[in-house]
Amino acid sequence: MGARVVPVANPQVRYEHLGGEPPKFKGAFKQYILFGLALTLVVLLVLVTAYNGWEEFSQAEKKLKADDVDFVMYGPVRTELGVQGIQERRADVYAKAFNRKHQFLSKSSNTANVKPDDEQLLPQATENRSSPTPEGFKFVCYYALPSNTSMLEANTLKPNDLDAHLCTHINLAFASVSRNRLVPTNPYDIESYKQVNQLKIQNPRLKVLLSVNGDMSQVIQNHASRKSFIKSALDVLSQHNFDGLDIDWEFPDDAWKFMILLAEFRQEFGDRYLLTAAVAAPQTIVDLSYKINVMSRYVDWVNIMTYDFHFYTRYTPWTGLNSPLFSGPADKGVFSNLNTNWTAHYWMENGMPRQKIVIGIPTYGHTFKLVNKKNSGLYAPSSSFGEVGGSGGFIDYGDVCTFLTTGDVTQVFDRSTRAPFAFKNYDWVSYDDERSVAYKAEFVTNKGFGGAMIWALNSDDHKGSCYQSGIRFPLANRIKNVLTDDQL
């Protein structure tokens, strides 16, 4: 059988490739040159882009440091800042947290804040429960301790002026942090400790806690520093007959190490003492400073500082409500989250049990100076603090009452946010009144939260000047009446 011949479909093409054409070496050489030039250009572009990006980042970082936007390392000392200074610092911290253009450079990017193993996080820690609390909703009242010199001032709220039956818990503000130890801020505070704790003779159900405020970044660094701090706290609580400790750190820069501190406190406290914490409201700070689901195991409750949502700063030069209950139609973007309702649910959805959430209610307001007195609504341009009230744009409720009676004052109650404001000429004031605090207290009861907290008894009308009846602490009394109303 002969060999099979396979026909060629296109012999012309086949023979074209087998022809005696010279090799195309010159064309390939040109292609190599062009490829090399293109590659060099790409590398140069990458280097230039990287250099420009690094320069931009460096300039932004320098500007960040110049603006002092690191909002997690503030360490207040009452003798230096005073109570109003602490409020001013918190307001400034909140404002900077809201300034979104700085958020990408928050300290969280520089902090090794990753979750360690459970054994490393909570070595031999137990979830002991604290001593029983009074039945019903908690009403936590902060009382700013007077200094020795302020005791001579007429408007100072003194320990013997407190009502033993108004609050379920009184938090004495503040003790300080010194060399990894909890210490009274000044020697005169010890006498105030004694006088306030004597209120429990009149009301045996009253609980008195000591609130510590300061920079604890060194305290949390290692077991030895934490042990020293916890031991000093136990000594002070035991010596002065306190019922527990409230930690008001504004604000932690390492959430996991702060959680370790709370776990070790709980291990040492057991059932003897209450352990609570005053915590931030803005999501930016909450996400950086706390691990809510872990925190919930060790604290008896958290006092959420749901105020200072709006105030004048160079970052926020417009009017706004200090403590709105809900968002309003004018709130857009991140500002729609700046309200009590959103904050409370954010804490709950991230792991804090409903009954451990205590809602903060301010007894003070914020003032603004309008740019144009004819533009006097929410988010109206503002050039500085108002001229009424105290320095830093803060105004106590008693001073609000005085402002409202000066004549020609326009009062507005914003139904959507459940919050009032008032203005006259260029002065614009955001505040809480009996109506707005009643809405918030009813919000607590309807939602089944743990209770309400006020900052502070000092800034309520403790002299009884707002009403002809002379009732003292009108805002606190209104909150208490709603919380104890069996019909709600």
Protein backbone atom coordinates (compact mmCIF):
# COMPACT_ATOMS: atom_id res chain seq x y z
CA MET A 1 0.00 0.00 0.00
CA GLY A 2 1.44 3.34 -1.04
CA ALA A 3 1.86 6.34 1.31
CA ARG A 4 -1.20 8.50 1.73
CA VAL A 5 -0.82 12.00 0.31
CA VAL A 6 -2.42 14.77 2.42
CA PRO A 7 -3.40 17.66 0.20
CA VAL A 8 -2.24 21.13 1.26
CA ALA A 9 -5.13 23.48 1.67
CA ASN A 10 -3.12 26.60 0.81
CA PRO A 11 0.24 25.73 -0.68
CA GLN A 12 0.98 29.36 -1.47
CA VAL A 13 0.97 30.27 2.23
CA ARG A 14 3.13 27.27 3.08
CA TYR A 15 5.74 28.13 0.54
CA GLU A 16 5.79 31.78 1.57
CA HIS A 17 7.13 30.76 5.03
CA LEU A 18 9.70 28.44 3.54
CA GLY A 19 11.00 31.05 1.13
CA GLY A 20 14.47 32.50 1.37
CA GLU A 21 13.54 35.87 3.01
CA PRO A 22 16.20 37.48 5.27
CA PRO A 23 15.60 37.40 9.09
CA LYS A 24 13.77 40.46 10.61
CA PHE A 25 16.52 41.28 13.16
CA LYS A 26 16.41 45.03 12.63
CA GLY A 27 12.65 45.21 13.35
CA ALA A 28 13.03 43.22 16.59
CA PHE A 29 15.86 45.50 17.74
CA LYS A 30 13.63 48.54 17.28
CA GLN A 31 10.87 46.85 19.32
CA TYR A 32 13.28 46.18 22.20
CA ILE A 33 14.32 49.84 22.24
CA LEU A 34 10.71 51.05 22.29
CA PHE A 35 9.80 48.59 25.07
CA GLY A 36 12.74 49.76 27.17
CA LEU A 37 11.79 53.40 26.76
CA ALA A 38 8.18 52.66 27.71
CA LEU A 39 9.26 50.69 30.79
CA THR A 40 11.58 53.53 31.89
CA LEU A 41 8.73 56.03 31.52
CA VAL A 42 6.38 53.86 33.61
CA VAL A 43 8.99 53.52 36.39
CA LEU A 44 9.55 57.28 36.42
CA LEU A 45 5.80 57.92 36.65
CA VAL A 46 5.48 55.49 39.58
CA LEU A 47 8.37 57.13 41.42
CA VAL A 48 7.02 60.64 40.88
CA THR A 49 3.52 59.61 42.02
CA ALA A 50 4.88 57.89 45.11
CA TYR A 51 7.02 60.92 45.99
CA ASN A 52 4.11 63.34 45.57
CA GLY A 53 1.86 61.08 47.64
CA TRP A 54 4.41 60.89 50.44
CA GLU A 55 4.87 64.67 50.38
CA GLU A 56 1.10 65.16 50.59
CA PHE A 57 0.84 62.69 53.47
CA SER A 58 3.76 64.33 55.29
CA GLN A 59 2.25 67.79 54.89
CA ALA A 60 -1.12 66.51 56.11
CA GLU A 61 0.51 64.86 59.09
CA LYS A 62 2.38 68.06 59.95
CA LYS A 63 -0.85 70.02 59.68
CA LEU A 64 -2.60 67.45 61.84
CA LYS A 65 0.01 67.84 64.55
CA ALA A 66 -0.17 71.60 64.26
CA ASP A 67 -3.96 71.47 64.65
CA ASP A 68 -3.62 69.12 67.64
CA VAL A 69 -6.35 66.79 66.42
CA ASP A 70 -5.08 63.81 68.40
CA PHE A 71 -8.26 63.46 70.46
CA VAL A 72 -7.30 60.40 72.51
CA MET A 73 -4.49 61.63 74.73
CA TYR A 74 -6.08 64.42 76.73
CA GLY A 75 -5.36 64.14 80.44
CA PRO A 76 -7.48 66.58 82.45
CA VAL A 77 -6.57 67.66 85.96
CA ARG A 78 -9.29 69.59 87.73
CA THR A 79 -6.92 71.97 89.48
CA GLU A 80 -5.60 73.07 86.08
CA LEU A 81 -8.71 73.01 83.88
CA GLY A 82 -11.57 73.28 86.32
CA VAL A 83 -14.92 71.63 85.67
CA GLN A 84 -15.72 74.04 82.84
CA GLY A 85 -12.29 73.40 81.37
CA ILE A 86 -13.07 69.69 81.24
CA GLN A 87 -16.32 70.47 79.44
CA GLU A 88 -14.51 72.73 77.00
CA ARG A 89 -11.92 70.07 76.27
CA ARG A 90 -14.58 67.44 75.64
CA ALA A 91 -16.45 69.77 73.31
CA ASP A 92 -13.29 70.47 71.34
CA VAL A 93 -12.49 66.77 71.17
CA TYR A 94 -15.96 66.03 69.83
CA ALA A 95 -15.69 68.78 67.23
CA LYS A 96 -12.41 67.47 65.90
CA ALA A 97 -13.82 63.95 65.74
CA PHE A 98 -16.63 65.25 63.56
CA ASN A 99 -14.20 66.95 61.21
CA ARG A 100 -14.08 64.12 58.70
CA LYS A 101 -11.12 65.41 56.67
CA HIS A 102 -8.85 64.56 59.62
CA GLN A 103 -10.26 61.12 60.38
CA PHE A 104 -7.95 59.22 58.00
CA LEU A 105 -5.01 60.29 60.17
CA SER A 106 -6.56 59.20 63.50
CA LYS A 107 -4.20 57.62 65.95
CA SER A 108 -5.76 54.22 65.34
CA SER A 109 -3.53 53.89 62.28
CA ASN A 110 -0.42 54.23 64.46
CA THR A 111 -1.54 52.12 67.43
CA ALA A 112 -1.08 48.38 67.64
CA ASN A 113 -4.72 47.96 68.57
CA VAL A 114 -5.27 44.44 67.29
CA LYS A 115 -7.17 41.78 69.18
CA PRO A 116 -4.87 39.55 71.22
CA ASP A 117 -5.63 36.04 72.32
CA ASP A 118 -8.35 35.80 74.96
CA GLU A 119 -5.83 34.42 77.47
CA GLN A 120 -3.58 37.41 76.89
CA LEU A 121 -6.46 39.87 77.04
CA LEU A 122 -8.08 38.68 80.24
CA PRO A 123 -5.63 36.63 82.27
CA GLN A 124 -7.51 34.77 85.00
CA ALA A 125 -10.26 37.39 84.93
CA THR A 126 -13.75 36.47 86.08
CA GLU A 127 -17.03 38.13 85.28
CA ASN A 128 -18.16 38.75 88.84
CA ARG A 129 -21.33 40.72 89.23
CA SER A 130 -21.48 43.78 91.38
CA SER A 131 -23.60 44.46 94.42
CA PRO A 132 -27.36 44.97 93.85
CA THR A 133 -28.59 48.38 92.73
CA PRO A 134 -31.87 50.06 93.66
CA GLU A 135 -34.94 48.72 91.89
CA GLY A 136 -36.27 50.52 88.84
CA PHE A 137 -34.42 52.92 86.58
CA LYS A 138 -31.11 54.37 87.70
CA PHE A 139 -30.78 58.13 87.97
CA VAL A 140 -27.07 58.95 88.06
CA CYS A 141 -26.17 62.53 89.02
CA TYR A 142 -22.66 63.89 88.64
CA TYR A 143 -21.66 66.38 91.31
CA ALA A 144 -18.57 68.48 90.61
CA LEU A 145 -16.65 68.86 93.86
CA PRO A 146 -16.11 72.47 94.92
CA SER A 147 -12.62 73.74 95.52
CA ASN A 148 -11.64 75.26 98.82
CA THR A 149 -11.80 78.79 97.42
CA SER A 150 -15.09 78.30 95.55
CA MET A 151 -16.81 77.34 98.81
CA LEU A 152 -16.90 81.05 99.59
CA GLU A 153 -18.75 81.90 96.36
CA ALA A 154 -22.50 82.45 96.58
CA ASN A 155 -23.40 80.34 93.55
CA THR A 156 -21.38 77.28 94.60
CA LEU A 157 -23.34 74.08 95.17
CA LYS A 158 -22.08 72.77 98.51
CA PRO A 159 -22.33 69.15 99.70
CA ASN A 160 -24.86 70.02 102.40
CA ASP A 161 -27.12 71.57 99.70
CA LEU A 162 -27.61 68.22 97.97
CA ASP A 163 -30.91 66.33 98.10
CA ALA A 164 -30.38 62.81 99.44
CA HIS A 165 -33.56 61.52 97.72
CA LEU A 166 -33.21 63.12 94.29
CA CYS A 167 -30.80 60.65 92.64
CA THR A 168 -30.27 56.90 92.96
CA HIS A 169 -26.52 57.39 92.44
CA ILE A 170 -24.25 60.39 92.95
CA ASN A 171 -20.90 60.42 91.15
CA LEU A 172 -18.36 62.71 92.79
CA ALA A 173 -16.27 64.43 90.12
CA PHE A 174 -13.34 64.13 90.09
CA ALA A 175 -10.44 62.23 91.55
CA SER A 176 -7.17 62.42 89.62
CA VAL A 177 -4.39 60.17 88.32
CA SER A 178 -0.84 60.71 89.58
CA ARG A 179 2.07 58.32 89.06
CA ASN A 180 -0.23 55.39 88.30
CA ARG A 181 -2.25 56.02 91.44
CA LEU A 182 -5.76 57.30 92.07
CA VAL A 183 -5.59 60.31 94.38
CA PRO A 184 -7.93 63.06 95.60
CA THR A 185 -7.42 66.10 93.41
CA ASN A 186 -6.82 68.27 96.45
CA PRO A 187 -6.88 67.66 100.21
CA TYR A 188 -10.15 69.54 100.65
CA ASP A 189 -11.97 66.89 98.59
CA ILE A 190 -11.71 64.43 101.45
CA GLU A 191 -14.09 66.53 103.53
CA SER A 192 -16.53 66.58 100.60
CA TYR A 193 -16.26 62.77 100.34
CA LYS A 194 -17.37 62.54 103.95
CA GLN A 195 -20.24 65.00 103.66
CA VAL A 196 -21.75 63.46 100.52
CA ASN A 197 -21.49 59.90 101.86
CA GLN A 198 -23.34 61.04 104.99
CA LEU A 199 -26.40 61.55 102.75
CA LYS A 200 -26.79 57.77 102.92
CA ILE A 201 -27.92 58.21 106.53
CA GLN A 202 -30.98 60.07 105.20
CA ASN A 203 -31.43 57.68 102.25
CA PRO A 204 -29.92 54.22 102.83
CA ARG A 205 -30.71 53.26 99.22
CA LEU A 206 -28.46 56.00 97.82
CA LYS A 207 -25.19 54.90 96.22
CA VAL A 208 -22.20 57.24 96.07
CA LEU A 209 -19.41 56.59 93.55
CA LEU A 210 -16.08 58.30 93.07
CA SER A 211 -15.44 59.37 89.49
CA VAL A 212 -11.82 59.50 88.31
CA ASN A 213 -10.89 61.68 85.36
CA GLY A 214 -7.43 61.83 83.84
CA ASP A 215 -4.96 60.47 81.33
CA MET A 216 -4.56 56.75 82.04
CA SER A 217 -2.35 55.96 79.06
CA GLN A 218 0.55 55.12 81.38
CA VAL A 219 -1.67 53.23 83.83
CA ILE A 220 -2.72 50.68 81.22
CA GLN A 221 0.75 49.91 79.87
CA ASN A 222 1.52 46.83 81.96
CA HIS A 223 0.26 44.66 84.77
CA ALA A 224 2.37 46.39 87.43
CA SER A 225 1.05 49.88 86.61
CA ARG A 226 -2.53 48.62 86.48
CA LYS A 227 -2.11 46.79 89.78
CA SER A 228 -0.79 49.96 91.45
CA PHE A 229 -3.73 51.98 90.16
CA ILE A 230 -6.33 49.40 91.19
CA LYS A 231 -4.84 49.02 94.67
CA SER A 232 -4.87 52.78 95.22
CA ALA A 233 -8.50 52.93 94.06
CA LEU A 234 -9.48 50.16 96.47
CA ASP A 235 -7.76 52.01 99.31
CA VAL A 236 -9.64 55.27 98.61
CA LEU A 237 -13.02 53.56 98.15
CA SER A 238 -12.65 51.57 101.35
CA GLN A 239 -11.30 54.42 103.45
CA HIS A 240 -14.09 56.86 102.50
CA ASN A 241 -17.07 54.48 102.34
CA PHE A 242 -17.75 54.71 98.59
CA ASP A 243 -20.01 52.24 96.80
CA GLY A 244 -18.03 52.08 93.58
CA LEU A 245 -15.79 53.69 90.99
CA ASP A 246 -16.71 55.54 87.81
CA ILE A 247 -13.96 55.87 85.17
CA ASP A 248 -14.26 59.03 83.06
CA TRP A 249 -11.28 58.79 80.71
CA GLU A 250 -11.67 61.13 77.76
CA PHE A 251 -10.61 59.15 75.79
CA PRO A 252 -8.67 55.82 75.68
CA ASP A 253 -6.09 55.49 72.90
CA ASP A 254 -5.77 51.69 73.16
CA ALA A 255 -9.13 50.00 73.49
CA TRP A 256 -7.80 46.51 74.27
CA LYS A 257 -5.53 47.63 77.09
CA PHE A 258 -8.41 49.63 78.54
CA MET A 259 -10.53 46.47 78.44
CA ILE A 260 -7.81 44.64 80.37
CA LEU A 261 -7.89 47.36 83.01
CA LEU A 262 -11.66 46.96 83.38
CA ALA A 263 -11.35 43.17 83.59
CA GLU A 264 -8.74 43.43 86.34
CA PHE A 265 -10.84 45.99 88.20
CA ARG A 266 -13.80 43.62 88.07
CA GLN A 267 -11.66 40.74 89.30
CA GLU A 268 -10.56 42.79 92.32
CA PHE A 269 -13.93 44.45 92.97
CA GLY A 270 -15.99 41.26 92.86
CA ASP A 271 -19.37 41.99 94.42
CA ARG A 272 -18.07 44.67 96.78
CA TYR A 273 -18.09 47.70 94.49
CA LEU A 274 -19.87 49.05 91.43
CA LEU A 275 -17.75 49.65 88.32
CA THR A 276 -19.06 52.10 85.72
CA ALA A 277 -17.59 54.23 82.92
CA ALA A 278 -18.46 57.56 81.34
CA VAL A 279 -18.15 56.98 77.60
CA ALA A 280 -18.16 58.96 74.37
CA ALA A 281 -21.08 59.42 72.01
CA PRO A 282 -19.52 60.15 68.56
CA GLN A 283 -18.95 57.00 66.52
CA THR A 284 -15.43 58.11 65.55
CA ILE A 285 -14.30 58.05 69.19
CA VAL A 286 -16.38 55.02 70.19
CA ASP A 287 -14.83 52.84 67.50
CA LEU A 288 -11.32 53.87 68.52
CA SER A 289 -11.62 53.82 72.31
CA TYR A 290 -13.83 50.84 73.22
CA LYS A 291 -14.52 47.20 72.45
CA ILE A 292 -18.16 47.34 73.44
CA ASN A 293 -18.94 43.62 73.51
CA VAL A 294 -15.94 42.98 75.79
CA MET A 295 -16.59 46.04 77.91
CA SER A 296 -20.12 44.86 78.62
CA ARG A 297 -18.81 41.86 80.58
CA TYR A 298 -17.10 43.91 83.26
CA VAL A 299 -18.93 47.20 83.80
CA ASP A 300 -22.21 47.45 85.65
CA TRP A 301 -23.28 50.13 83.19
CA VAL A 302 -21.97 52.92 80.98
CA ASN A 303 -22.95 56.58 81.29
CA ILE A 304 -23.09 57.74 77.68
CA MET A 305 -22.23 61.43 77.30
CA THR A 306 -24.98 62.19 74.80
CA TYR A 307 -24.37 65.93 74.75
CA ASP A 308 -21.93 68.38 73.16
CA PHE A 309 -23.21 67.24 69.78
CA HIS A 310 -23.12 70.83 68.49
CA PHE A 311 -21.20 73.87 69.75
CA TYR A 312 -19.08 76.62 68.28
CA THR A 313 -15.52 75.79 67.24
CA ARG A 314 -13.42 76.78 64.24
CA TYR A 315 -14.32 73.37 62.78
CA THR A 316 -18.06 73.84 63.35
CA PRO A 317 -18.85 77.57 62.91
CA TRP A 318 -22.63 77.25 62.87
CA THR A 319 -25.49 76.92 65.33
CA GLY A 320 -26.74 73.54 66.47
CA LEU A 321 -28.43 71.64 69.28
CA ASN A 322 -26.38 70.56 72.27
CA SER A 323 -28.31 67.34 72.91
CA PRO A 324 -31.05 66.51 70.37
CA LEU A 325 -33.04 63.37 71.09
CA PHE A 326 -33.61 62.56 67.40
CA SER A 327 -32.19 63.76 64.09
CA GLY A 328 -33.96 66.57 62.27
CA PRO A 329 -34.62 67.32 58.59
CA ALA A 330 -31.66 69.74 58.51
CA ASP A 331 -29.19 67.04 59.61
CA LYS A 332 -27.27 65.62 56.66
CA GLY A 333 -24.49 63.06 56.36
CA VAL A 334 -22.55 62.42 59.55
CA PHE A 335 -24.65 65.02 61.38
CA SER A 336 -27.70 62.76 61.14
CA ASN A 337 -25.93 60.48 63.66
CA LEU A 338 -25.36 63.23 66.22
CA ASN A 339 -28.29 62.58 68.50
CA THR A 340 -29.19 60.55 71.57
CA ASN A 341 -31.37 57.99 69.79
CA TRP A 342 -28.73 57.02 67.21
CA THR A 343 -25.94 56.86 69.80
CA ALA A 344 -27.87 54.69 72.27
CA HIS A 345 -28.80 52.19 69.59
CA TYR A 346 -25.24 52.13 68.22
CA TRP A 347 -23.94 51.12 71.64
CA MET A 348 -26.66 48.51 71.98
CA GLU A 349 -26.19 47.04 68.50
CA ASN A 350 -22.45 46.68 69.14
CA GLY A 351 -22.87 44.61 72.27
CA MET A 352 -23.83 46.71 75.28
CA PRO A 353 -26.97 45.24 76.88
CA ARG A 354 -29.93 47.58 76.93
CA GLN A 355 -30.15 47.57 80.73
CA LYS A 356 -26.50 48.65 81.00
CA ILE A 357 -27.02 51.78 78.90
CA VAL A 358 -27.57 54.96 80.94
CA ILE A 359 -28.51 57.97 78.82
CA GLY A 360 -26.73 61.27 79.46
CA ILE A 361 -28.78 64.47 79.78
CA PRO A 362 -27.13 67.91 80.13
CA THR A 363 -28.30 70.60 82.53
CA TYR A 364 -26.26 73.20 80.65
CA GLY A 365 -26.38 74.62 77.14
CA HIS A 366 -24.16 76.14 74.45
CA THR A 367 -24.16 79.71 73.17
CA PHE A 368 -23.34 81.10 69.73
CA LYS A 369 -22.88 84.53 68.21
CA LEU A 370 -24.75 84.84 64.93
CA VAL A 371 -23.09 86.28 61.85
CA ASN A 372 -26.45 87.63 60.67
CA LYS A 373 -29.19 88.11 63.26
CA LYS A 374 -31.80 87.64 60.51
CA ASN A 375 -30.45 84.14 59.84
CA SER A 376 -31.23 82.51 63.19
CA GLY A 377 -32.25 78.93 62.49
CA LEU A 378 -30.38 75.66 62.88
CA TYR A 379 -27.00 75.55 61.12
CA ALA A 380 -26.97 79.35 60.81
CA PRO A 381 -23.45 80.80 60.43
CA SER A 382 -21.79 81.67 63.74
CA SER A 383 -18.65 83.67 64.39
CA SER A 384 -17.92 82.84 68.05
CA PHE A 385 -19.45 82.00 71.42
CA GLY A 386 -22.41 84.03 72.56
CA GLU A 387 -22.12 86.82 75.10
CA VAL A 388 -24.55 85.25 77.59
CA GLY A 389 -23.61 82.60 80.14
CA GLY A 390 -20.09 81.62 81.09
CA SER A 391 -16.87 81.45 79.14
CA GLY A 392 -16.27 78.91 76.40
CA GLY A 393 -19.88 79.09 75.22
CA PHE A 394 -21.29 77.17 78.21
CA ILE A 395 -24.42 78.34 79.99
CA ASP A 396 -26.03 76.89 83.13
CA TYR A 397 -29.79 76.39 83.24
CA GLY A 398 -30.22 79.18 85.78
CA ASP A 399 -28.55 81.60 83.36
CA VAL A 400 -30.76 80.28 80.55
CA CYS A 401 -33.81 81.22 82.62
CA THR A 402 -32.40 84.72 83.09
CA PHE A 403 -31.75 85.08 79.34
CA LEU A 404 -35.30 83.97 78.48
CA THR A 405 -36.80 86.70 80.67
CA THR A 406 -34.79 89.62 79.27
CA GLY A 407 -37.48 90.50 76.71
CA ASP A 408 -37.65 90.19 72.91
CA VAL A 409 -36.26 86.65 73.09
CA THR A 410 -37.61 84.23 70.50
CA GLN A 411 -38.05 80.69 71.85
CA VAL A 412 -38.35 77.70 69.52
CA PHE A 413 -39.05 74.09 70.42
CA ASP A 414 -37.93 71.92 67.52
CA ARG A 415 -40.48 69.12 67.40
CA SER A 416 -38.44 66.78 65.21
CA THR A 417 -35.43 66.73 67.54
CA ARG A 418 -37.39 67.34 70.79
CA ALA A 419 -35.02 70.16 71.72
CA PRO A 420 -35.39 73.91 72.32
CA PHE A 421 -33.31 76.89 71.32
CA ALA A 422 -33.68 80.64 71.71
CA PHE A 423 -32.18 83.78 70.22
CA LYS A 424 -32.08 87.53 70.66
CA ASN A 425 -30.18 89.87 68.37
CA TYR A 426 -26.86 88.08 67.78
CA ASP A 427 -27.08 85.70 70.77
CA TRP A 428 -28.24 82.15 70.03
CA VAL A 429 -28.62 79.53 72.79
CA SER A 430 -29.15 75.77 72.67
CA TYR A 431 -30.31 74.30 75.98
CA ASP A 432 -32.50 71.70 77.65
CA ASP A 433 -35.67 72.58 79.55
CA GLU A 434 -38.21 70.57 81.52
CA ARG A 435 -40.02 69.56 78.34
CA SER A 436 -36.95 68.25 76.51
CA VAL A 437 -35.56 66.34 79.51
CA ALA A 438 -38.99 64.78 80.04
CA TYR A 439 -38.93 63.50 76.45
CA LYS A 440 -35.50 61.97 77.08
CA ALA A 441 -36.55 60.35 80.35
CA GLU A 442 -39.61 58.91 78.63
CA PHE A 443 -37.34 57.64 75.85
CA VAL A 444 -35.38 55.77 78.55
CA THR A 445 -38.51 54.16 79.99
CA ASN A 446 -40.09 53.32 76.63
CA LYS A 447 -36.93 51.73 75.25
CA GLY A 448 -36.11 49.90 78.48
CA PHE A 449 -32.64 51.40 78.94
CA GLY A 450 -30.92 51.23 82.31
CA GLY A 451 -31.62 54.80 83.32
CA ALA A 452 -30.64 58.43 82.91
CA MET A 453 -27.56 60.45 83.91
CA ILE A 454 -27.09 64.19 84.24
CA TRP A 455 -24.04 66.37 83.99
CA ALA A 456 -24.33 67.97 86.41
CA LEU A 457 -26.19 68.93 89.58
CA ASN A 458 -24.03 72.06 89.69
CA SER A 459 -25.37 73.47 86.41
CA ASP A 460 -29.04 72.78 87.19
CA ASP A 461 -30.94 75.61 88.88
CA HIS A 462 -29.89 74.56 92.38
CA LYS A 463 -30.73 78.00 93.81
CA GLY A 464 -34.39 77.85 92.75
CA SER A 465 -34.29 81.12 90.78
CA CYS A 466 -36.05 79.99 87.58
CA TYR A 467 -39.58 79.74 88.97
CA GLN A 468 -41.62 81.70 91.46
CA SER A 469 -42.23 78.49 93.36
CA GLY A 470 -38.52 78.41 94.17
CA ILE A 471 -38.18 74.73 93.23
CA ARG A 472 -34.55 73.63 93.27
CA PHE A 473 -33.03 71.30 90.65
CA PRO A 474 -36.05 71.61 88.28
CA LEU A 475 -34.47 69.58 85.44
CA ALA A 476 -33.30 66.78 87.73
CA ASN A 477 -36.67 66.64 89.46
CA ARG A 478 -38.47 66.46 86.13
CA ILE A 479 -36.29 63.54 85.02
CA LYS A 480 -36.86 61.73 88.31
CA ASN A 481 -40.63 62.18 88.10
CA VAL A 482 -40.76 60.65 84.62
CA LEU A 483 -38.48 57.75 85.50
CA THR A 484 -40.60 56.87 88.52
CA ASP A 485 -43.98 57.34 86.77
CA ASP A 486 -45.72 53.97 86.91
CA GLN A 487 -48.00 54.94 84.01
CA LEU A 488 -45.17 55.06 81.47
